[in-house]
Amino acid sequence: QVQLVESGGGLVQPGGSLRLSCAASGSIFRFNAMGWYRQAPGKQREVVAAISSRGYTHYLDSVKGRFTISRDNAKNTVDLQMNSLKPEDTAVYYCNKGSGSYWDWGQGTQVIVSS
């Protein structure tokens, strides 16, 4: 089983940037696709970006060109660089497997985009 810890969130003005980081334990990390998910109040959790074990990426259409997902298998981390943030990006952000059965969710990290 993998333990997940997200960090890097905060309050930022529209147009600003944040870099989120996810630290994952477990020796099988490098064999799994990973994803960043977000959940806004009153809405379902959605995947915003995913990266395969080989580094292939996929993005939610609304974040393409603004967000970049990356991973470091040696460090068991997956990051999400978020640029040109919009108010609609406001949510709690989580990391987990990119597909299949999810591991236990971490606490997430709050991102608030507001003026």
C-alpha atoms as a PDB file:
ATOM      1  CA  GLN A   1       0.000   0.000   0.000  1.00  0.00           C
ATOM      2  CA  VAL A   2       1.111   3.533  -0.801  1.00  0.00           C
ATOM      3  CA  GLN A   3       0.941   6.568   1.479  1.00  0.00           C
ATOM      4  CA  LEU A   4       0.324   9.909  -0.229  1.00  0.00           C
ATOM      5  CA  VAL A   5       1.166  13.384   1.040  1.00  0.00           C
ATOM      6  CA  GLU A   6       0.325  16.489  -0.981  1.00  0.00           C
ATOM      7  CA  SER A   7       1.805  19.926  -0.432  1.00  0.00           C
ATOM      8  CA  GLY A   8       2.318  23.292  -2.080  1.00  0.00           C
ATOM      9  CA  GLY A   9      -1.174  24.718  -2.123  1.00  0.00           C
ATOM     10  CA  GLY A  10      -2.138  28.175  -1.037  1.00  0.00           C
ATOM     11  CA  LEU A  11      -3.920  31.381  -1.893  1.00  0.00           C
ATOM     12  CA  VAL A  12      -2.985  32.965  -5.186  1.00  0.00           C
ATOM     13  CA  GLN A  13      -4.405  35.710  -7.371  1.00  0.00           C
ATOM     14  CA  PRO A  14      -5.785  34.951 -10.823  1.00  0.00           C
ATOM     15  CA  GLY A  15      -2.931  34.618 -13.279  1.00  0.00           C
ATOM     16  CA  GLY A  16      -0.555  33.426 -10.605  1.00  0.00           C
ATOM     17  CA  SER A  17       1.320  30.159 -10.281  1.00  0.00           C
ATOM     18  CA  LEU A  18       1.724  27.348  -7.801  1.00  0.00           C
ATOM     19  CA  ARG A  19       3.717  24.146  -7.786  1.00  0.00           C
ATOM     20  CA  LEU A  20       2.158  21.202  -6.018  1.00  0.00           C
ATOM     21  CA  SER A  21       4.111  18.190  -4.897  1.00  0.00           C
ATOM     22  CA  CYS A  22       3.013  14.693  -4.003  1.00  0.00           C
ATOM     23  CA  ALA A  23       5.229  12.357  -2.048  1.00  0.00           C
ATOM     24  CA  ALA A  24       4.352   8.696  -2.330  1.00  0.00           C
ATOM     25  CA  SER A  25       5.774   5.846  -0.357  1.00  0.00           C
ATOM     26  CA  GLY A  26       6.163   2.326  -1.612  1.00  0.00           C
ATOM     27  CA  SER A  27       8.555   0.471  -3.837  1.00  0.00           C
ATOM     28  CA  ILE A  28       5.963   0.019  -6.595  1.00  0.00           C
ATOM     29  CA  PHE A  29       5.515   3.741  -7.257  1.00  0.00           C
ATOM     30  CA  ARG A  30       7.495   3.733 -10.479  1.00  0.00           C
ATOM     31  CA  PHE A  31       5.313   1.021 -11.998  1.00  0.00           C
ATOM     32  CA  ASN A  32       2.092   3.018 -11.753  1.00  0.00           C
ATOM     33  CA  ALA A  33       0.587   5.844 -13.699  1.00  0.00           C
ATOM     34  CA  MET A  34      -0.031   8.798 -11.395  1.00  0.00           C
ATOM     35  CA  GLY A  35      -2.539  11.573 -11.504  1.00  0.00           C
ATOM     36  CA  TRP A  36      -3.524  14.839  -9.929  1.00  0.00           C
ATOM     37  CA  TYR A  37      -7.162  15.234  -9.019  1.00  0.00           C
ATOM     38  CA  ARG A  38      -9.165  18.106  -7.671  1.00  0.00           C
ATOM     39  CA  GLN A  39     -12.455  18.520  -5.908  1.00  0.00           C
ATOM     40  CA  ALA A  40     -14.251  21.808  -5.560  1.00  0.00           C
ATOM     41  CA  PRO A  41     -16.997  22.299  -2.968  1.00  0.00           C
ATOM     42  CA  GLY A  42     -20.217  20.686  -4.127  1.00  0.00           C
ATOM     43  CA  LYS A  43     -18.566  19.028  -7.098  1.00  0.00           C
ATOM     44  CA  GLN A  44     -17.204  15.591  -7.849  1.00  0.00           C
ATOM     45  CA  ARG A  45     -13.528  14.862  -7.848  1.00  0.00           C
ATOM     46  CA  GLU A  46     -12.038  15.072 -11.318  1.00  0.00           C
ATOM     47  CA  VAL A  47      -8.707  14.134 -12.809  1.00  0.00           C
ATOM     48  CA  VAL A  48      -6.788  17.138 -14.073  1.00  0.00           C
ATOM     49  CA  ALA A  49      -3.538  15.539 -15.185  1.00  0.00           C
ATOM     50  CA  ALA A  50      -1.988  12.103 -15.415  1.00  0.00           C
ATOM     51  CA  ILE A  51       1.427  10.714 -16.187  1.00  0.00           C
ATOM     52  CA  SER A  52       2.324   7.158 -17.086  1.00  0.00           C
ATOM     53  CA  SER A  53       5.188   5.187 -15.624  1.00  0.00           C
ATOM     54  CA  ARG A  54       7.129   6.084 -18.770  1.00  0.00           C
ATOM     55  CA  GLY A  55       6.349   9.788 -18.565  1.00  0.00           C
ATOM     56  CA  TYR A  56       3.522  10.108 -21.064  1.00  0.00           C
ATOM     57  CA  THR A  57       1.074  12.783 -20.012  1.00  0.00           C
ATOM     58  CA  HIS A  58      -2.581  13.632 -20.368  1.00  0.00           C
ATOM     59  CA  TYR A  59      -4.431  16.750 -19.275  1.00  0.00           C
ATOM     60  CA  LEU A  60      -7.944  17.872 -18.703  1.00  0.00           C
ATOM     61  CA  ASP A  61      -8.807  20.134 -21.629  1.00  0.00           C
ATOM     62  CA  SER A  62      -9.397  23.122 -19.394  1.00  0.00           C
ATOM     63  CA  VAL A  63      -5.853  23.009 -18.002  1.00  0.00           C
ATOM     64  CA  LYS A  64      -3.915  22.213 -21.170  1.00  0.00           C
ATOM     65  CA  GLY A  65      -1.168  24.722 -21.753  1.00  0.00           C
ATOM     66  CA  ARG A  66      -1.361  25.921 -18.162  1.00  0.00           C
ATOM     67  CA  PHE A  67      -0.549  22.864 -16.031  1.00  0.00           C
ATOM     68  CA  THR A  68       2.398  20.516 -16.319  1.00  0.00           C
ATOM     69  CA  ILE A  69       2.656  17.185 -14.530  1.00  0.00           C
ATOM     70  CA  SER A  70       5.998  15.554 -13.889  1.00  0.00           C
ATOM     71  CA  ARG A  71       7.392  12.706 -11.842  1.00  0.00           C
ATOM     72  CA  ASP A  72      10.652  11.698 -10.272  1.00  0.00           C
ATOM     73  CA  ASN A  73      10.654   7.965  -9.727  1.00  0.00           C
ATOM     74  CA  ALA A  74      13.893   8.087  -7.751  1.00  0.00           C
ATOM     75  CA  LYS A  75      12.247  10.412  -5.228  1.00  0.00           C
ATOM     76  CA  ASN A  76       8.770   8.870  -5.445  1.00  0.00           C
ATOM     77  CA  THR A  77       7.263  12.260  -6.178  1.00  0.00           C
ATOM     78  CA  VAL A  78       4.860  13.686  -8.706  1.00  0.00           C
ATOM     79  CA  ASP A  79       4.529  17.430  -9.177  1.00  0.00           C
ATOM     80  CA  LEU A  80       1.979  19.692 -10.772  1.00  0.00           C
ATOM     81  CA  GLN A  81       3.130  23.066 -12.020  1.00  0.00           C
ATOM     82  CA  MET A  82       0.117  25.331 -12.342  1.00  0.00           C
ATOM     83  CA  ASN A  83       0.397  28.581 -14.260  1.00  0.00           C
ATOM     84  CA  SER A  84      -2.129  31.201 -15.296  1.00  0.00           C
ATOM     85  CA  LEU A  85      -4.428  30.110 -12.523  1.00  0.00           C
ATOM     86  CA  LYS A  86      -8.106  30.908 -12.752  1.00  0.00           C
ATOM     87  CA  PRO A  87     -10.773  31.125 -10.060  1.00  0.00           C
ATOM     88  CA  GLU A  88     -12.309  27.933 -11.408  1.00  0.00           C
ATOM     89  CA  ASP A  89      -9.098  26.118 -10.477  1.00  0.00           C
ATOM     90  CA  THR A  90     -10.011  26.586  -6.829  1.00  0.00           C
ATOM     91  CA  ALA A  91     -10.238  23.153  -5.227  1.00  0.00           C
ATOM     92  CA  VAL A  92      -8.541  20.690  -2.965  1.00  0.00           C
ATOM     93  CA  TYR A  93      -5.907  18.905  -5.014  1.00  0.00           C
ATOM     94  CA  TYR A  94      -5.012  15.274  -4.487  1.00  0.00           C
ATOM     95  CA  CYS A  95      -2.659  12.806  -6.059  1.00  0.00           C
ATOM     96  CA  ASN A  96      -3.254   9.119  -6.588  1.00  0.00           C
ATOM     97  CA  LYS A  97      -2.905   6.428  -9.201  1.00  0.00           C
ATOM     98  CA  GLY A  98      -3.758   7.639 -12.662  1.00  0.00           C
ATOM     99  CA  SER A  99      -6.046   4.718 -13.333  1.00  0.00           C
ATOM    100  CA  GLY A 100      -7.389   1.573 -11.760  1.00  0.00           C
ATOM    101  CA  SER A 101      -8.182   1.120  -8.101  1.00  0.00           C
ATOM    102  CA  TYR A 102      -7.139   4.129  -6.044  1.00  0.00           C
ATOM    103  CA  TRP A 103      -4.861   3.939  -3.064  1.00  0.00           C
ATOM    104  CA  ASP A 104      -6.013   5.500   0.175  1.00  0.00           C
ATOM    105  CA  TRP A 105      -6.396   9.221  -0.415  1.00  0.00           C
ATOM    106  CA  GLY A 106      -4.169  11.707   1.323  1.00  0.00           C
ATOM    107  CA  GLN A 107      -5.374  14.947   2.899  1.00  0.00           C
ATOM    108  CA  GLY A 108      -4.920  16.933  -0.286  1.00  0.00           C
ATOM    109  CA  THR A 109      -3.695  20.495  -0.548  1.00  0.00           C
ATOM    110  CA  GLN A 110      -5.992  23.492  -0.866  1.00  0.00           C
ATOM    111  CA  VAL A 111      -5.671  25.836  -3.818  1.00  0.00           C
ATOM    112  CA  ILE A 112      -7.635  29.070  -3.721  1.00  0.00           C
ATOM    113  CA  VAL A 113      -7.492  31.389  -6.700  1.00  0.00           C
ATOM    114  CA  SER A 114      -9.075  34.685  -5.807  1.00  0.00           C
ATOM    115  CA  SER A 115      -8.502  38.401  -6.003  1.00  0.00           C
END
